[in-house]
PDB file of all heavy atoms in Angstrom:
ATOM      1  N   MET A   1      67.435-292.272 -20.705  1.00  0.00           N
ATOM      2  CA  MET A   1      67.676-293.176 -19.577  1.00  0.00           C
ATOM      3  C   MET A   1      67.643-294.649 -20.002  1.00  0.00           C
ATOM      4  O   MET A   1      67.823-295.539 -19.166  1.00  0.00           O
ATOM      5  CB  MET A   1      66.624-292.953 -18.485  1.00  0.00           C
ATOM      6  CG  MET A   1      66.695-291.551 -17.850  1.00  0.00           C
ATOM      7  SD  MET A   1      65.317-291.232 -16.723  1.00  0.00           S
ATOM      8  CE  MET A   1      65.616-292.481 -15.468  1.00  0.00           C
ATOM      9  N   GLY A   2      67.379-294.888 -21.293  1.00  0.00           N
ATOM     10  CA  GLY A   2      67.322-296.253 -21.797  1.00  0.00           C
ATOM     11  C   GLY A   2      66.070-296.994 -21.381  1.00  0.00           C
ATOM     12  O   GLY A   2      66.063-298.247 -21.368  1.00  0.00           O
ATOM     13  N   GLU A   3      65.000-296.283 -21.057  1.00  0.00           N
ATOM     14  CA  GLU A   3      63.765-296.919 -20.575  1.00  0.00           C
ATOM     15  C   GLU A   3      62.610-296.774 -21.554  1.00  0.00           C
ATOM     16  O   GLU A   3      61.482-297.156 -21.233  1.00  0.00           O
ATOM     17  CB  GLU A   3      63.365-296.317 -19.228  1.00  0.00           C
ATOM     18  CG  GLU A   3      64.407-296.538 -18.142  1.00  0.00           C
ATOM     19  CD  GLU A   3      64.012-295.842 -16.846  1.00  0.00           C
ATOM     20  OE1 GLU A   3      62.948-295.182 -16.828  1.00  0.00           O
ATOM     21  OE2 GLU A   3      64.759-295.959 -15.855  1.00  0.00           O
ATOM     22  N   LEU A   4      62.868-296.233 -22.722  1.00  0.00           N
ATOM     23  CA  LEU A   4      61.796-296.034 -23.696  1.00  0.00           C
ATOM     24  C   LEU A   4      61.557-297.310 -24.491  1.00  0.00           C
ATOM     25  O   LEU A   4      62.456-297.857 -25.104  1.00  0.00           O
ATOM     26  CB  LEU A   4      62.153-294.903 -24.660  1.00  0.00           C
ATOM     27  CG  LEU A   4      61.065-294.479 -25.640  1.00  0.00           C
ATOM     28  CD1 LEU A   4      59.871-293.894 -24.906  1.00  0.00           C
ATOM     29  CD2 LEU A   4      61.605-293.474 -26.664  1.00  0.00           C
ATOM     30  N   ASP A   5      60.328-297.813 -24.420  1.00  0.00           N
ATOM     31  CA  ASP A   5      59.945-298.990 -25.197  1.00  0.00           C
ATOM     32  C   ASP A   5      58.541-298.784 -25.769  1.00  0.00           C
ATOM     33  O   ASP A   5      57.905-297.750 -25.551  1.00  0.00           O
ATOM     34  CB  ASP A   5      59.985-300.274 -24.346  1.00  0.00           C
ATOM     35  CG  ASP A   5      59.160-300.148 -23.070  1.00  0.00           C
ATOM     36  OD1 ASP A   5      58.231-299.295 -23.043  1.00  0.00           O
ATOM     37  OD2 ASP A   5      59.422-300.892 -22.109  1.00  0.00           O
ATOM     38  N   LEU A   6      58.053-299.761 -26.493  1.00  0.00           N
ATOM     39  CA  LEU A   6      56.752-299.648 -27.167  1.00  0.00           C
ATOM     40  C   LEU A   6      55.633-299.457 -26.143  1.00  0.00           C
ATOM     41  O   LEU A   6      54.708-298.665 -26.366  1.00  0.00           O
ATOM     42  CB  LEU A   6      56.485-300.876 -28.012  1.00  0.00           C
ATOM     43  CG  LEU A   6      55.169-300.874 -28.803  1.00  0.00           C
ATOM     44  CD1 LEU A   6      55.133-299.699 -29.766  1.00  0.00           C
ATOM     45  CD2 LEU A   6      55.004-302.193 -29.559  1.00  0.00           C
ATOM     46  N   SER A   7      55.723-300.141 -25.021  1.00  0.00           N
ATOM     47  CA  SER A   7      54.693-300.017 -23.990  1.00  0.00           C
ATOM     48  C   SER A   7      54.636-298.600 -23.431  1.00  0.00           C
ATOM     49  O   SER A   7      53.551-298.037 -23.236  1.00  0.00           O
ATOM     50  CB  SER A   7      54.973-301.000 -22.850  1.00  0.00           C
ATOM     51  OG  SER A   7      54.075-300.801 -21.771  1.00  0.00           O
ATOM     52  N   CYS A   8      55.796-297.978 -23.226  1.00  0.00           N
ATOM     53  CA  CYS A   8      55.869-296.607 -22.711  1.00  0.00           C
ATOM     54  C   CYS A   8      55.263-295.642 -23.734  1.00  0.00           C
ATOM     55  O   CYS A   8      54.516-294.727 -23.344  1.00  0.00           O
ATOM     56  CB  CYS A   8      57.330-296.260 -22.424  1.00  0.00           C
ATOM     57  SG  CYS A   8      57.539-294.564 -21.775  1.00  0.00           S
ATOM     58  N   ILE A   9      55.618-295.822 -25.006  1.00  0.00           N
ATOM     59  CA  ILE A   9      55.079-294.948 -26.045  1.00  0.00           C
ATOM     60  C   ILE A   9      53.565-295.048 -26.126  1.00  0.00           C
ATOM     61  O   ILE A   9      52.869-294.029 -26.264  1.00  0.00           O
ATOM     62  CB  ILE A   9      55.725-295.302 -27.411  1.00  0.00           C
ATOM     63  CG1 ILE A   9      57.222-294.965 -27.380  1.00  0.00           C
ATOM     64  CG2 ILE A   9      55.033-294.544 -28.540  1.00  0.00           C
ATOM     65  CD1 ILE A   9      57.963-295.417 -28.619  1.00  0.00           C
ATOM     66  N   LYS A  10      53.041-296.280 -26.049  1.00  0.00           N
ATOM     67  CA  LYS A  10      51.590-296.471 -26.073  1.00  0.00           C
ATOM     68  C   LYS A  10      50.901-295.772 -24.908  1.00  0.00           C
ATOM     69  O   LYS A  10      49.871-295.115 -25.082  1.00  0.00           O
ATOM     70  CB  LYS A  10      51.252-297.971 -26.037  1.00  0.00           C
ATOM     71  CG  LYS A  10      51.494-298.685 -27.354  1.00  0.00           C
ATOM     72  CD  LYS A  10      51.383-300.194 -27.199  1.00  0.00           C
ATOM     73  CE  LYS A  10      50.030-300.590 -26.630  1.00  0.00           C
ATOM     74  NZ  LYS A  10      49.924-302.077 -26.478  1.00  0.00           N
ATOM     75  N   ARG A  11      51.476-295.906 -23.719  1.00  0.00           N
ATOM     76  CA  ARG A  11      50.873-295.257 -22.547  1.00  0.00           C
ATOM     77  C   ARG A  11      50.897-293.727 -22.670  1.00  0.00           C
ATOM     78  O   ARG A  11      49.934-293.071 -22.246  1.00  0.00           O
ATOM     79  CB  ARG A  11      51.637-295.671 -21.277  1.00  0.00           C
ATOM     80  CG  ARG A  11      51.397-297.097 -20.857  1.00  0.00           C
ATOM     81  CD  ARG A  11      52.316-297.497 -19.703  1.00  0.00           C
ATOM     82  NE  ARG A  11      52.079-298.855 -19.284  1.00  0.00           N
ATOM     83  CZ  ARG A  11      51.199-299.236 -18.377  1.00  0.00           C
ATOM     84  NH1 ARG A  11      50.466-298.309 -17.763  1.00  0.00           N
ATOM     85  NH2 ARG A  11      51.049-300.499 -18.050  1.00  0.00           N
ATOM     86  N   LEU A  12      51.944-293.187 -23.234  1.00  0.00           N
ATOM     87  CA  LEU A  12      52.065-291.736 -23.316  1.00  0.00           C
ATOM     88  C   LEU A  12      51.206-291.143 -24.416  1.00  0.00           C
ATOM     89  O   LEU A  12      50.534-290.094 -24.203  1.00  0.00           O
ATOM     90  CB  LEU A  12      53.545-291.355 -23.579  1.00  0.00           C
ATOM     91  CG  LEU A  12      54.517-291.566 -22.426  1.00  0.00           C
ATOM     92  CD1 LEU A  12      55.955-291.365 -22.909  1.00  0.00           C
ATOM     93  CD2 LEU A  12      54.201-290.623 -21.272  1.00  0.00           C
ATOM     94  N   PHE A  13      51.196-291.757 -25.591  1.00  0.00           N
ATOM     95  CA  PHE A  13      50.603-291.097 -26.750  1.00  0.00           C
ATOM     96  C   PHE A  13      49.237-291.641 -27.177  1.00  0.00           C
ATOM     97  O   PHE A  13      48.431-290.891 -27.742  1.00  0.00           O
ATOM     98  CB  PHE A  13      51.569-291.179 -27.935  1.00  0.00           C
ATOM     99  CG  PHE A  13      52.822-290.374 -27.749  1.00  0.00           C
ATOM    100  CD1 PHE A  13      53.989-290.984 -27.370  1.00  0.00           C
ATOM    101  CD2 PHE A  13      52.797-289.002 -27.959  1.00  0.00           C
ATOM    102  CE1 PHE A  13      55.162-290.231 -27.181  1.00  0.00           C
ATOM    103  CE2 PHE A  13      53.938-288.242 -27.799  1.00  0.00           C
ATOM    104  CZ  PHE A  13      55.139-288.857 -27.403  1.00  0.00           C
ATOM    105  N   LEU A  14      48.974-292.915 -26.935  1.00  0.00           N
ATOM    106  CA  LEU A  14      47.732-293.492 -27.411  1.00  0.00           C
ATOM    107  C   LEU A  14      46.504-292.792 -26.812  1.00  0.00           C
ATOM    108  O   LEU A  14      45.550-292.459 -27.557  1.00  0.00           O
ATOM    109  CB  LEU A  14      47.688-294.985 -27.121  1.00  0.00           C
ATOM    110  CG  LEU A  14      46.467-295.733 -27.698  1.00  0.00           C
ATOM    111  CD1 LEU A  14      46.384-295.547 -29.207  1.00  0.00           C
ATOM    112  CD2 LEU A  14      46.525-297.231 -27.331  1.00  0.00           C
ATOM    113  N   PRO A  15      46.446-292.535 -25.511  1.00  0.00           N
ATOM    114  CA  PRO A  15      45.257-291.845 -24.952  1.00  0.00           C
ATOM    115  C   PRO A  15      45.050-290.438 -25.541  1.00  0.00           C
ATOM    116  O   PRO A  15      43.914-290.047 -25.798  1.00  0.00           O
ATOM    117  CB  PRO A  15      45.568-291.774 -23.449  1.00  0.00           C
ATOM    118  CG  PRO A  15      46.571-292.800 -23.188  1.00  0.00           C
ATOM    119  CD  PRO A  15      47.408-292.894 -24.439  1.00  0.00           C
ATOM    120  N   VAL A  16      46.159-289.714 -25.760  1.00  0.00           N
ATOM    121  CA  VAL A  16      46.054-288.366 -26.333  1.00  0.00           C
ATOM    122  C   VAL A  16      45.524-288.446 -27.759  1.00  0.00           C
ATOM    123  O   VAL A  16      44.650-287.641 -28.168  1.00  0.00           O
ATOM    124  CB  VAL A  16      47.411-287.657 -26.295  1.00  0.00           C
ATOM    125  CG1 VAL A  16      47.290-286.236 -26.834  1.00  0.00           C
ATOM    126  CG2 VAL A  16      47.955-287.605 -24.861  1.00  0.00           C
ATOM    127  N   LEU A  17      46.008-289.423 -28.535  1.00  0.00           N
ATOM    128  CA  LEU A  17      45.543-289.590 -29.909  1.00  0.00           C
ATOM    129  C   LEU A  17      44.081-289.973 -29.946  1.00  0.00           C
ATOM    130  O   LEU A  17      43.311-289.416 -30.732  1.00  0.00           O
ATOM    131  CB  LEU A  17      46.395-290.651 -30.625  1.00  0.00           C
ATOM    132  CG  LEU A  17      45.966-291.011 -32.056  1.00  0.00           C
ATOM    133  CD1 LEU A  17      46.066-289.792 -32.960  1.00  0.00           C
ATOM    134  CD2 LEU A  17      46.811-292.175 -32.582  1.00  0.00           C
ATOM    135  N   LEU A  18      43.677-290.894 -29.077  1.00  0.00           N
ATOM    136  CA  LEU A  18      42.272-291.313 -29.027  1.00  0.00           C
ATOM    137  C   LEU A  18      41.363-290.155 -28.619  1.00  0.00           C
ATOM    138  O   LEU A  18      40.258-290.011 -29.157  1.00  0.00           O
ATOM    139  CB  LEU A  18      42.108-292.486 -28.044  1.00  0.00           C
ATOM    140  CG  LEU A  18      42.690-293.835 -28.501  1.00  0.00           C
ATOM    141  CD1 LEU A  18      42.529-294.882 -27.391  1.00  0.00           C
ATOM    142  CD2 LEU A  18      42.004-294.313 -29.776  1.00  0.00           C
ATOM    143  N   ALA A  19      41.829-289.351 -27.690  1.00  0.00           N
ATOM    144  CA  ALA A  19      41.056-288.190 -27.259  1.00  0.00           C
ATOM    145  C   ALA A  19      40.867-287.229 -28.432  1.00  0.00           C
ATOM    146  O   ALA A  19      39.756-286.703 -28.666  1.00  0.00           O
ATOM    147  CB  ALA A  19      41.738-287.470 -26.091  1.00  0.00           C
ATOM    148  N   PHE A  20      41.922-286.993 -29.188  1.00  0.00           N
ATOM    149  CA  PHE A  20      41.865-286.107 -30.338  1.00  0.00           C
ATOM    150  C   PHE A  20      40.863-286.621 -31.381  1.00  0.00           C
ATOM    151  O   PHE A  20      40.033-285.856 -31.886  1.00  0.00           O
ATOM    152  CB  PHE A  20      43.259-285.997 -30.943  1.00  0.00           C
ATOM    153  CG  PHE A  20      43.360-285.073 -32.131  1.00  0.00           C
ATOM    154  CD1 PHE A  20      43.428-283.703 -31.936  1.00  0.00           C
ATOM    155  CD2 PHE A  20      43.364-285.552 -33.433  1.00  0.00           C
ATOM    156  CE1 PHE A  20      43.498-282.836 -33.024  1.00  0.00           C
ATOM    157  CE2 PHE A  20      43.442-284.708 -34.517  1.00  0.00           C
ATOM    158  CZ  PHE A  20      43.527-283.332 -34.309  1.00  0.00           C
ATOM    159  N   LEU A  21      40.898-287.920 -31.651  1.00  0.00           N
ATOM    160  CA  LEU A  21      39.987-288.518 -32.627  1.00  0.00           C
ATOM    161  C   LEU A  21      38.543-288.466 -32.140  1.00  0.00           C
ATOM    162  O   LEU A  21      37.632-288.185 -32.918  1.00  0.00           O
ATOM    163  CB  LEU A  21      40.398-289.965 -32.905  1.00  0.00           C
ATOM    164  CG  LEU A  21      41.752-290.149 -33.607  1.00  0.00           C
ATOM    165  CD1 LEU A  21      42.102-291.629 -33.728  1.00  0.00           C
ATOM    166  CD2 LEU A  21      41.767-289.493 -34.990  1.00  0.00           C
ATOM    167  N   LEU A  22      38.332-288.723 -30.848  1.00  0.00           N
ATOM    168  CA  LEU A  22      36.977-288.690 -30.310  1.00  0.00           C
ATOM    169  C   LEU A  22      36.400-287.283 -30.333  1.00  0.00           C
ATOM    170  O   LEU A  22      35.218-287.082 -30.634  1.00  0.00           O
ATOM    171  CB  LEU A  22      36.985-289.242 -28.879  1.00  0.00           C
ATOM    172  CG  LEU A  22      35.592-289.555 -28.286  1.00  0.00           C
ATOM    173  CD1 LEU A  22      34.931-290.669 -29.065  1.00  0.00           C
ATOM    174  CD2 LEU A  22      35.719-289.941 -26.820  1.00  0.00           C
ATOM    175  N   ILE A  23      37.232-286.303 -30.015  1.00  0.00           N
ATOM    176  CA  ILE A  23      36.791-284.904 -30.092  1.00  0.00           C
ATOM    177  C   ILE A  23      36.392-284.546 -31.508  1.00  0.00           C
ATOM    178  O   ILE A  23      35.378-283.883 -31.738  1.00  0.00           O
ATOM    179  CB  ILE A  23      37.898-283.969 -29.564  1.00  0.00           C
ATOM    180  CG1 ILE A  23      38.057-284.148 -28.044  1.00  0.00           C
ATOM    181  CG2 ILE A  23      37.573-282.507 -29.862  1.00  0.00           C
ATOM    182  CD1 ILE A  23      39.276-283.466 -27.471  1.00  0.00           C
ATOM    183  N   GLY A  24      37.197-284.977 -32.469  1.00  0.00           N
ATOM    184  CA  GLY A  24      36.856-284.732 -33.873  1.00  0.00           C
ATOM    185  C   GLY A  24      35.578-285.408 -34.286  1.00  0.00           C
ATOM    186  O   GLY A  24      34.776-284.864 -35.023  1.00  0.00           O
ATOM    187  N   LEU A  25      35.343-286.650 -33.774  1.00  0.00           N
ATOM    188  CA  LEU A  25      34.158-287.402 -34.105  1.00  0.00           C
ATOM    189  C   LEU A  25      32.895-286.695 -33.589  1.00  0.00           C
ATOM    190  O   LEU A  25      31.885-286.615 -34.269  1.00  0.00           O
ATOM    191  CB  LEU A  25      34.250-288.816 -33.545  1.00  0.00           C
ATOM    192  CG  LEU A  25      33.061-289.751 -33.802  1.00  0.00           C
ATOM    193  CD1 LEU A  25      32.943-290.035 -35.301  1.00  0.00           C
ATOM    194  CD2 LEU A  25      33.228-291.049 -33.024  1.00  0.00           C
TER     195      LEU A  25
END
Protein backbone atom coordinates (compact mmCIF):
# COMPACT_ATOMS: atom_id res chain seq x y z
CA MET A 1 0.00 0.00 0.00
CA GLY A 2 3.07 2.23 0.01
CA GLU A 3 2.75 2.93 3.75
CA LEU A 4 5.74 1.00 5.08
CA ASP A 5 8.36 3.22 6.69
CA LEU A 6 10.94 2.99 9.47
CA SER A 7 8.44 4.11 12.10
CA CYS A 8 6.01 1.34 11.09
CA ILE A 9 8.75 -1.30 11.19
CA LYS A 10 9.84 -0.14 14.66
CA ARG A 11 6.28 -0.31 15.99
CA LEU A 12 5.73 -3.79 14.57
CA PHE A 13 8.99 -5.54 15.35
CA LEU A 14 10.84 -3.70 18.11
CA PRO A 15 8.45 -4.74 20.95
CA VAL A 16 8.54 -8.39 19.82
CA LEU A 17 12.36 -8.34 19.67
CA LEU A 18 12.62 -6.70 23.11
CA ALA A 19 10.21 -9.27 24.55
CA PHE A 20 12.32 -12.08 23.11
CA LEU A 21 15.52 -10.63 24.59
CA LEU A 22 13.92 -10.02 27.99
CA ILE A 23 12.58 -13.58 28.11
CA GLY A 24 16.06 -14.86 27.32
CA LEU A 25 17.56 -12.63 30.01
